[in-house]
Amino acid sequence: MPMPKKADPEKACGSCGTPLTRRRFSGGRLEDRGVFLRRRFCNRACMATGYLSDDPSTTYLRRFLKAACESCGSTERIGVHHMDEDRTNNSPENLRTLCPRCHTTWHWQNGKQPWRKQSPSCTVCGKPAKRLGLCETHRSRFLRHGSPYLVKRRNGSGWQLVEDRG
């Protein structure tokens, strides 16, 4: 005997107050119940206005929705830049409107470091290191023989491993 379906709770949009119902997708498929329970707004427009609440720190952000870049004057894809780089500090003196290009330029001019690390170099020869701070050649010497400085030297009719730090 199948279990009875749980009733969906009555919810309202956090912005406009419209009652929320589970969405129907193409083919008649119903929105997953877990997704519905997490949803707070009826659409993206309501979500945007819902996140810009009556909090005094966010009311200043509303002017940026139709602003232009303060560096180049572009009106495309405007973003908010926090001058002290603290995202929680939304005081008007701390905010600037910048397009993505000017935003990136600002960060590079003000000391941003590349996110990719430079590959370390081998402590023995200076080639790019893979693991243990050694290149593949010196790493394999270390794993096989216990020292990355070992080299084969001719000793009469045979070979001998000699440590060479020069």
N, C-alpha and C. Protein backbone atom coordinates (compact mmCIF):
# COMPACT_ATOMS: atom_id res chain seq x y z
N MET A 1 0.83 -1.15 0.00
CA MET A 1 0.00 0.00 0.00
C MET A 1 0.90 1.24 0.00
N PRO A 2 0.77 2.12 -1.01
CA PRO A 2 1.64 3.29 -1.10
C PRO A 2 1.33 4.30 -0.01
N MET A 3 2.37 5.03 0.38
CA MET A 3 2.19 6.06 1.41
C MET A 3 1.47 7.25 0.81
N PRO A 4 0.65 7.91 1.59
CA PRO A 4 -0.04 9.10 1.07
C PRO A 4 0.97 10.23 0.86
N LYS A 5 0.73 11.05 -0.17
CA LYS A 5 1.63 12.17 -0.47
C LYS A 5 1.46 13.24 0.60
N LYS A 6 2.60 13.85 0.94
CA LYS A 6 2.58 14.93 1.91
C LYS A 6 1.99 16.17 1.25
N ALA A 7 1.24 16.91 2.01
CA ALA A 7 0.67 18.16 1.49
C ALA A 7 1.74 19.23 1.47
N ASP A 8 1.77 20.01 0.41
CA ASP A 8 2.72 21.10 0.30
C ASP A 8 2.30 22.24 1.23
N PRO A 9 3.26 22.82 1.94
CA PRO A 9 2.90 23.92 2.85
C PRO A 9 2.50 25.16 2.05
N GLU A 10 1.70 25.99 2.68
CA GLU A 10 1.31 27.24 2.03
C GLU A 10 2.44 28.23 2.25
N LYS A 11 2.97 28.75 1.12
CA LYS A 11 4.09 29.70 1.18
C LYS A 11 3.75 30.90 0.33
N ALA A 12 4.34 32.03 0.66
CA ALA A 12 4.14 33.24 -0.12
C ALA A 12 5.50 33.78 -0.55
N CYS A 13 5.53 34.47 -1.69
CA CYS A 13 6.74 35.08 -2.21
C CYS A 13 7.26 36.09 -1.19
N GLY A 14 8.55 36.06 -0.92
CA GLY A 14 9.15 36.95 0.06
C GLY A 14 9.18 38.40 -0.38
N SER A 15 8.90 38.66 -1.65
CA SER A 15 8.94 40.03 -2.15
C SER A 15 7.56 40.60 -2.42
N CYS A 16 6.78 39.89 -3.25
CA CYS A 16 5.48 40.44 -3.65
C CYS A 16 4.31 39.83 -2.88
N GLY A 17 4.51 38.72 -2.17
CA GLY A 17 3.44 38.11 -1.38
C GLY A 17 2.55 37.15 -2.14
N THR A 18 2.82 36.91 -3.43
CA THR A 18 2.03 35.97 -4.23
C THR A 18 2.16 34.56 -3.65
N PRO A 19 1.06 33.80 -3.55
CA PRO A 19 1.17 32.43 -3.05
C PRO A 19 2.05 31.58 -3.98
N LEU A 20 2.96 30.81 -3.39
CA LEU A 20 3.85 29.96 -4.16
C LEU A 20 3.23 28.57 -4.32
N THR A 21 3.32 28.04 -5.53
CA THR A 21 2.89 26.67 -5.81
C THR A 21 4.03 25.97 -6.52
N ARG A 22 4.00 24.66 -6.50
CA ARG A 22 5.04 23.90 -7.19
C ARG A 22 4.90 24.10 -8.69
N ARG A 23 6.01 24.33 -9.37
CA ARG A 23 6.02 24.60 -10.80
C ARG A 23 5.82 23.33 -11.60
N ARG A 24 5.24 23.49 -12.78
CA ARG A 24 5.12 22.38 -13.73
C ARG A 24 6.08 22.65 -14.88
N PHE A 25 6.84 21.63 -15.24
CA PHE A 25 7.79 21.75 -16.34
C PHE A 25 7.22 21.09 -17.58
N SER A 26 7.95 21.22 -18.70
CA SER A 26 7.48 20.60 -19.94
C SER A 26 7.35 19.10 -19.74
N GLY A 27 6.34 18.53 -20.31
CA GLY A 27 6.06 17.11 -20.14
C GLY A 27 5.23 16.84 -18.89
N GLY A 28 4.81 17.88 -18.19
CA GLY A 28 3.96 17.71 -17.03
C GLY A 28 4.69 17.37 -15.75
N ARG A 29 6.02 17.36 -15.78
CA ARG A 29 6.79 17.00 -14.60
C ARG A 29 6.65 18.09 -13.54
N LEU A 30 6.45 17.69 -12.30
CA LEU A 30 6.24 18.61 -11.19
C LEU A 30 7.58 18.92 -10.52
N GLU A 31 7.73 20.16 -10.06
CA GLU A 31 8.95 20.59 -9.36
C GLU A 31 9.18 19.71 -8.14
N ASP A 32 10.44 19.36 -7.92
CA ASP A 32 10.81 18.53 -6.78
C ASP A 32 10.37 19.20 -5.48
N ARG A 33 9.86 18.43 -4.54
CA ARG A 33 9.33 18.99 -3.31
C ARG A 33 10.41 19.68 -2.48
N GLY A 34 11.60 19.10 -2.45
CA GLY A 34 12.71 19.71 -1.70
C GLY A 34 13.09 21.07 -2.28
N VAL A 35 13.07 21.18 -3.59
CA VAL A 35 13.38 22.45 -4.25
C VAL A 35 12.29 23.47 -3.91
N PHE A 36 11.04 23.02 -3.95
CA PHE A 36 9.94 23.92 -3.62
C PHE A 36 10.03 24.43 -2.19
N LEU A 37 10.40 23.55 -1.26
CA LEU A 37 10.49 23.95 0.15
C LEU A 37 11.59 24.99 0.37
N ARG A 38 12.65 24.95 -0.45
CA ARG A 38 13.74 25.92 -0.32
C ARG A 38 13.45 27.24 -1.03
N ARG A 39 12.55 27.22 -2.01
CA ARG A 39 12.28 28.41 -2.81
C ARG A 39 11.60 29.47 -1.97
N ARG A 40 12.06 30.75 -2.11
CA ARG A 40 11.50 31.84 -1.33
C ARG A 40 10.80 32.89 -2.18
N PHE A 41 11.06 32.91 -3.49
CA PHE A 41 10.50 33.93 -4.36
C PHE A 41 9.82 33.29 -5.56
N CYS A 42 8.88 34.04 -6.18
CA CYS A 42 8.13 33.48 -7.29
C CYS A 42 8.91 33.55 -8.61
N ASN A 43 9.80 34.52 -8.78
CA ASN A 43 10.62 34.62 -9.99
C ASN A 43 11.89 35.41 -9.68
N ARG A 44 12.73 35.60 -10.70
CA ARG A 44 14.01 36.27 -10.50
C ARG A 44 13.85 37.75 -10.18
N ALA A 45 12.85 38.39 -10.76
CA ALA A 45 12.65 39.81 -10.48
C ALA A 45 12.30 40.02 -9.01
N CYS A 46 11.44 39.17 -8.47
CA CYS A 46 11.09 39.27 -7.06
C CYS A 46 12.30 38.93 -6.19
N MET A 47 13.13 38.00 -6.63
CA MET A 47 14.31 37.65 -5.87
C MET A 47 15.25 38.84 -5.79
N ALA A 48 15.43 39.57 -6.90
CA ALA A 48 16.32 40.74 -6.91
C ALA A 48 15.82 41.81 -5.96
N THR A 49 14.53 42.08 -6.00
CA THR A 49 14.00 43.11 -5.10
C THR A 49 13.96 42.61 -3.66
N GLY A 50 13.80 41.32 -3.46
CA GLY A 50 13.77 40.76 -2.11
C GLY A 50 15.13 40.84 -1.44
N TYR A 51 16.20 40.66 -2.20
CA TYR A 51 17.53 40.75 -1.62
C TYR A 51 17.92 42.20 -1.32
N LEU A 52 17.34 43.15 -2.04
CA LEU A 52 17.58 44.57 -1.74
C LEU A 52 16.49 45.02 -0.78
N SER A 53 16.63 44.66 0.46
CA SER A 53 15.59 44.91 1.47
C SER A 53 15.61 46.37 1.90
N ASP A 54 14.88 46.68 2.93
CA ASP A 54 14.83 48.04 3.47
C ASP A 54 15.98 48.31 4.44
N ASP A 55 16.93 47.42 4.49
CA ASP A 55 18.10 47.62 5.33
C ASP A 55 18.85 48.86 4.83
N PRO A 56 19.20 49.83 5.69
CA PRO A 56 19.84 51.06 5.22
C PRO A 56 21.13 50.83 4.46
N SER A 57 21.86 49.77 4.77
CA SER A 57 23.12 49.53 4.06
C SER A 57 22.88 49.08 2.63
N THR A 58 21.71 48.48 2.32
CA THR A 58 21.45 48.03 0.97
C THR A 58 20.64 49.01 0.14
N THR A 59 19.99 50.00 0.77
CA THR A 59 19.22 50.96 -0.02
C THR A 59 20.15 51.77 -0.92
N TYR A 60 21.37 52.02 -0.47
CA TYR A 60 22.33 52.74 -1.30
C TYR A 60 22.70 51.91 -2.53
N LEU A 61 22.67 50.57 -2.40
CA LEU A 61 23.01 49.71 -3.52
C LEU A 61 22.00 49.82 -4.66
N ARG A 62 20.78 50.23 -4.37
CA ARG A 62 19.76 50.30 -5.41
C ARG A 62 20.14 51.29 -6.50
N ARG A 63 20.87 52.33 -6.16
CA ARG A 63 21.24 53.32 -7.18
C ARG A 63 22.20 52.72 -8.21
N PHE A 64 22.87 51.64 -7.84
CA PHE A 64 23.81 51.02 -8.75
C PHE A 64 23.14 50.18 -9.83
N LEU A 65 21.88 49.86 -9.66
CA LEU A 65 21.20 49.04 -10.65
C LEU A 65 21.10 49.73 -12.01
N LYS A 66 21.06 51.07 -12.04
CA LYS A 66 20.96 51.80 -13.30
C LYS A 66 22.11 52.79 -13.45
N ALA A 67 23.26 52.53 -12.84
CA ALA A 67 24.37 53.46 -12.85
C ALA A 67 25.35 53.13 -13.98
N ALA A 68 26.36 53.96 -14.12
CA ALA A 68 27.41 53.77 -15.11
C ALA A 68 28.73 53.57 -14.40
N CYS A 69 29.70 53.00 -15.10
CA CYS A 69 31.03 52.78 -14.55
C CYS A 69 31.66 54.14 -14.22
N GLU A 70 32.21 54.27 -13.03
CA GLU A 70 32.81 55.53 -12.62
C GLU A 70 34.15 55.78 -13.29
N SER A 71 34.74 54.75 -13.92
CA SER A 71 36.03 54.93 -14.60
C SER A 71 35.86 55.23 -16.08
N CYS A 72 35.07 54.39 -16.78
CA CYS A 72 34.98 54.54 -18.23
C CYS A 72 33.62 55.01 -18.72
N GLY A 73 32.61 55.01 -17.88
CA GLY A 73 31.29 55.47 -18.26
C GLY A 73 30.40 54.41 -18.90
N SER A 74 30.86 53.17 -19.01
CA SER A 74 30.08 52.09 -19.60
C SER A 74 28.83 51.82 -18.76
N THR A 75 27.75 51.43 -19.41
CA THR A 75 26.52 51.08 -18.69
C THR A 75 26.23 49.59 -18.77
N GLU A 76 27.13 48.81 -19.34
CA GLU A 76 26.95 47.37 -19.47
C GLU A 76 27.52 46.63 -18.27
N ARG A 77 26.77 45.70 -17.71
CA ARG A 77 27.22 44.79 -16.66
C ARG A 77 27.92 45.52 -15.50
N ILE A 78 27.25 46.47 -14.93
CA ILE A 78 27.82 47.26 -13.84
C ILE A 78 27.84 46.45 -12.55
N GLY A 79 28.94 46.57 -11.83
CA GLY A 79 29.07 45.89 -10.55
C GLY A 79 29.47 46.87 -9.47
N VAL A 80 29.41 46.42 -8.24
CA VAL A 80 29.76 47.27 -7.10
C VAL A 80 31.13 46.83 -6.59
N HIS A 81 32.03 47.80 -6.41
CA HIS A 81 33.35 47.53 -5.86
C HIS A 81 33.45 48.15 -4.48
N HIS A 82 33.93 47.37 -3.51
CA HIS A 82 34.14 47.86 -2.16
C HIS A 82 35.59 48.32 -2.06
N MET A 83 35.80 49.60 -1.81
CA MET A 83 37.14 50.18 -1.82
C MET A 83 38.06 49.55 -0.77
N ASP A 84 37.53 49.20 0.40
CA ASP A 84 38.36 48.57 1.42
C ASP A 84 38.38 47.05 1.29
N GLU A 85 37.73 46.53 0.24
CA GLU A 85 37.66 45.11 -0.08
C GLU A 85 36.96 44.29 1.02
N ASP A 86 36.11 44.94 1.81
CA ASP A 86 35.30 44.27 2.83
C ASP A 86 33.86 44.27 2.32
N ARG A 87 33.36 43.11 1.92
CA ARG A 87 32.03 43.02 1.31
C ARG A 87 30.90 43.38 2.26
N THR A 88 31.17 43.38 3.53
CA THR A 88 30.11 43.70 4.49
C THR A 88 30.02 45.20 4.76
N ASN A 89 31.01 45.98 4.34
CA ASN A 89 31.03 47.42 4.56
C ASN A 89 30.34 48.10 3.38
N ASN A 90 29.04 48.36 3.48
CA ASN A 90 28.27 48.96 2.40
C ASN A 90 28.02 50.44 2.60
N SER A 91 28.91 51.13 3.28
CA SER A 91 28.73 52.57 3.45
C SER A 91 28.96 53.25 2.10
N PRO A 92 28.23 54.33 1.81
CA PRO A 92 28.34 54.99 0.50
C PRO A 92 29.76 55.42 0.14
N GLU A 93 30.56 55.81 1.12
CA GLU A 93 31.93 56.24 0.83
C GLU A 93 32.81 55.07 0.39
N ASN A 94 32.41 53.85 0.72
CA ASN A 94 33.22 52.68 0.42
C ASN A 94 32.88 52.04 -0.92
N LEU A 95 31.80 52.46 -1.58
CA LEU A 95 31.33 51.79 -2.79
C LEU A 95 31.62 52.59 -4.05
N ARG A 96 31.97 51.88 -5.12
CA ARG A 96 32.15 52.46 -6.45
C ARG A 96 31.49 51.55 -7.46
N THR A 97 30.96 52.13 -8.54
CA THR A 97 30.40 51.31 -9.62
C THR A 97 31.48 51.14 -10.67
N LEU A 98 31.73 49.90 -11.05
CA LEU A 98 32.75 49.60 -12.05
C LEU A 98 32.26 48.51 -12.98
N CYS A 99 32.62 48.62 -14.26
CA CYS A 99 32.35 47.54 -15.20
C CYS A 99 33.39 46.45 -14.94
N PRO A 100 33.20 45.24 -15.46
CA PRO A 100 34.15 44.15 -15.18
C PRO A 100 35.59 44.48 -15.58
N ARG A 101 35.77 45.16 -16.71
CA ARG A 101 37.12 45.48 -17.18
C ARG A 101 37.82 46.43 -16.21
N CYS A 102 37.14 47.50 -15.81
CA CYS A 102 37.72 48.47 -14.89
C CYS A 102 37.91 47.87 -13.50
N HIS A 103 37.02 46.98 -13.09
CA HIS A 103 37.12 46.33 -11.79
C HIS A 103 38.40 45.48 -11.74
N THR A 104 38.62 44.69 -12.79
CA THR A 104 39.82 43.87 -12.86
C THR A 104 41.07 44.74 -12.89
N THR A 105 41.04 45.80 -13.69
CA THR A 105 42.18 46.71 -13.79
C THR A 105 42.49 47.31 -12.42
N TRP A 106 41.46 47.73 -11.69
CA TRP A 106 41.68 48.31 -10.37
C TRP A 106 42.41 47.35 -9.46
N HIS A 107 41.96 46.08 -9.45
CA HIS A 107 42.59 45.10 -8.57
C HIS A 107 44.05 44.85 -8.95
N TRP A 108 44.35 44.76 -10.25
CA TRP A 108 45.73 44.51 -10.67
C TRP A 108 46.62 45.70 -10.37
N GLN A 109 46.09 46.90 -10.48
CA GLN A 109 46.89 48.09 -10.17
C GLN A 109 47.10 48.27 -8.68
N ASN A 110 46.30 47.63 -7.87
CA ASN A 110 46.40 47.79 -6.42
C ASN A 110 46.91 46.54 -5.73
N GLY A 111 47.80 45.84 -6.38
CA GLY A 111 48.54 44.77 -5.72
C GLY A 111 47.95 43.38 -5.74
N LYS A 112 46.98 43.09 -6.60
CA LYS A 112 46.46 41.72 -6.65
C LYS A 112 47.54 40.81 -7.22
N GLN A 113 47.71 39.67 -6.62
CA GLN A 113 48.69 38.70 -7.08
C GLN A 113 48.01 37.65 -7.94
N PRO A 114 48.73 37.07 -8.89
CA PRO A 114 48.14 36.01 -9.70
C PRO A 114 47.69 34.85 -8.81
N TRP A 115 46.56 34.23 -9.15
CA TRP A 115 46.06 33.14 -8.32
C TRP A 115 46.81 31.86 -8.57
N ARG A 116 47.46 31.74 -9.74
CA ARG A 116 48.24 30.53 -10.02
C ARG A 116 49.61 30.65 -9.37
N LYS A 117 49.99 29.60 -8.70
CA LYS A 117 51.32 29.59 -8.09
C LYS A 117 52.35 29.30 -9.17
N GLN A 118 53.50 29.91 -9.05
CA GLN A 118 54.60 29.57 -9.94
C GLN A 118 55.08 28.18 -9.54
N SER A 119 55.38 27.37 -10.54
CA SER A 119 55.81 26.02 -10.21
C SER A 119 57.17 26.09 -9.52
N PRO A 120 57.33 25.34 -8.44
CA PRO A 120 58.61 25.37 -7.74
C PRO A 120 59.70 24.76 -8.58
N SER A 121 60.92 25.13 -8.31
CA SER A 121 62.03 24.58 -9.07
C SER A 121 62.75 23.53 -8.24
N CYS A 122 63.42 22.64 -8.94
CA CYS A 122 64.15 21.55 -8.33
C CYS A 122 65.28 22.12 -7.48
N THR A 123 65.46 21.60 -6.27
CA THR A 123 66.50 22.11 -5.37
C THR A 123 67.90 21.70 -5.82
N VAL A 124 67.99 20.74 -6.75
CA VAL A 124 69.29 20.27 -7.20
C VAL A 124 69.71 20.98 -8.49
N CYS A 125 68.82 20.99 -9.51
CA CYS A 125 69.22 21.51 -10.82
C CYS A 125 68.48 22.76 -11.28
N GLY A 126 67.34 23.11 -10.63
CA GLY A 126 66.61 24.30 -11.01
C GLY A 126 65.51 24.08 -12.04
N LYS A 127 65.37 22.87 -12.57
CA LYS A 127 64.28 22.58 -13.51
C LYS A 127 62.96 22.60 -12.75
N PRO A 128 61.82 22.66 -13.47
CA PRO A 128 60.52 22.65 -12.76
C PRO A 128 60.35 21.38 -11.93
N ALA A 129 59.96 21.55 -10.68
CA ALA A 129 59.82 20.43 -9.75
C ALA A 129 58.43 19.83 -9.85
N LYS A 130 58.34 18.53 -9.66
CA LYS A 130 57.06 17.82 -9.67
C LYS A 130 56.59 17.58 -8.25
N ARG A 131 57.33 16.74 -7.54
CA ARG A 131 57.00 16.42 -6.15
C ARG A 131 58.27 16.43 -5.32
N LEU A 132 58.09 16.62 -4.03
CA LEU A 132 59.20 16.62 -3.08
C LEU A 132 60.21 17.72 -3.37
N GLY A 133 59.84 18.71 -4.17
CA GLY A 133 60.75 19.80 -4.51
C GLY A 133 61.85 19.38 -5.47
N LEU A 134 61.62 18.26 -6.20
CA LEU A 134 62.63 17.73 -7.11
C LEU A 134 62.04 17.51 -8.50
N CYS A 135 62.87 17.62 -9.54
CA CYS A 135 62.42 17.27 -10.89
C CYS A 135 62.31 15.75 -10.97
N GLU A 136 61.81 15.23 -12.06
CA GLU A 136 61.61 13.78 -12.17
C GLU A 136 62.92 13.00 -12.06
N THR A 137 63.97 13.50 -12.66
CA THR A 137 65.26 12.80 -12.61
C THR A 137 65.76 12.67 -11.18
N HIS A 138 65.82 13.80 -10.47
CA HIS A 138 66.35 13.76 -9.11
C HIS A 138 65.39 13.11 -8.13
N ARG A 139 64.10 13.18 -8.40
CA ARG A 139 63.12 12.50 -7.55
C ARG A 139 63.30 10.99 -7.65
N SER A 140 63.47 10.48 -8.88
CA SER A 140 63.64 9.04 -9.04
C SER A 140 64.95 8.58 -8.40
N ARG A 141 66.01 9.39 -8.47
CA ARG A 141 67.27 9.04 -7.80
C ARG A 141 67.07 8.98 -6.29
N PHE A 142 66.29 9.93 -5.77
CA PHE A 142 66.03 9.95 -4.34
C PHE A 142 65.22 8.72 -3.92
N LEU A 143 64.19 8.36 -4.69
CA LEU A 143 63.34 7.22 -4.33
C LEU A 143 64.07 5.90 -4.48
N ARG A 144 64.93 5.77 -5.50
CA ARG A 144 65.63 4.49 -5.73
C ARG A 144 66.85 4.32 -4.83
N HIS A 145 67.60 5.41 -4.64
CA HIS A 145 68.89 5.26 -4.00
C HIS A 145 69.03 6.03 -2.68
N GLY A 146 68.03 6.86 -2.32
CA GLY A 146 68.09 7.54 -1.05
C GLY A 146 68.67 8.94 -1.08
N SER A 147 69.24 9.35 -2.22
CA SER A 147 69.80 10.69 -2.32
C SER A 147 69.59 11.21 -3.74
N PRO A 148 69.11 12.44 -3.91
CA PRO A 148 68.92 12.98 -5.26
C PRO A 148 70.24 13.40 -5.90
N TYR A 149 71.33 13.43 -5.12
CA TYR A 149 72.62 13.89 -5.64
C TYR A 149 73.47 12.77 -6.22
N LEU A 150 72.98 11.53 -6.18
CA LEU A 150 73.77 10.41 -6.67
C LEU A 150 73.84 10.41 -8.19
N VAL A 151 75.04 10.15 -8.71
CA VAL A 151 75.25 10.01 -10.15
C VAL A 151 76.08 8.74 -10.39
N LYS A 152 75.93 8.19 -11.59
CA LYS A 152 76.72 7.01 -11.94
C LYS A 152 78.06 7.47 -12.50
N ARG A 153 79.13 6.89 -11.99
CA ARG A 153 80.47 7.20 -12.49
C ARG A 153 81.14 5.88 -12.89
N ARG A 154 81.91 5.95 -13.97
CA ARG A 154 82.63 4.78 -14.46
C ARG A 154 83.75 4.45 -13.49
N ASN A 155 83.80 3.20 -13.10
CA ASN A 155 84.83 2.76 -12.18
C ASN A 155 85.44 1.49 -12.76
N GLY A 156 86.46 1.65 -13.54
CA GLY A 156 87.08 0.50 -14.19
C GLY A 156 86.13 -0.09 -15.22
N SER A 157 85.75 -1.34 -15.05
CA SER A 157 84.85 -1.99 -16.00
C SER A 157 83.38 -1.88 -15.59
N GLY A 158 83.08 -1.29 -14.42
CA GLY A 158 81.70 -1.20 -13.94
C GLY A 158 81.32 0.24 -13.63
N TRP A 159 80.17 0.37 -12.97
CA TRP A 159 79.64 1.68 -12.60
C TRP A 159 79.54 1.75 -11.08
N GLN A 160 79.68 2.96 -10.58
CA GLN A 160 79.57 3.17 -9.15
C GLN A 160 78.72 4.43 -8.91
N LEU A 161 77.85 4.37 -7.90
CA LEU A 161 77.04 5.53 -7.54
C LEU A 161 77.85 6.42 -6.60
N VAL A 162 77.98 7.69 -7.01
CA VAL A 162 78.78 8.65 -6.22
C VAL A 162 77.91 9.87 -5.97
N GLU A 163 77.99 10.42 -4.77
CA GLU A 163 77.23 11.63 -4.45
C GLU A 163 78.00 12.83 -5.01
N ASP A 164 77.29 13.62 -5.86
CA ASP A 164 77.93 14.76 -6.52
C ASP A 164 77.09 16.00 -6.22
N ARG A 165 77.57 16.86 -5.35
CA ARG A 165 76.85 18.08 -4.98
C ARG A 165 77.40 19.29 -5.73
N GLY A 166 78.17 19.10 -6.74
CA GLY A 166 78.77 20.22 -7.44
C GLY A 166 78.08 20.50 -8.69
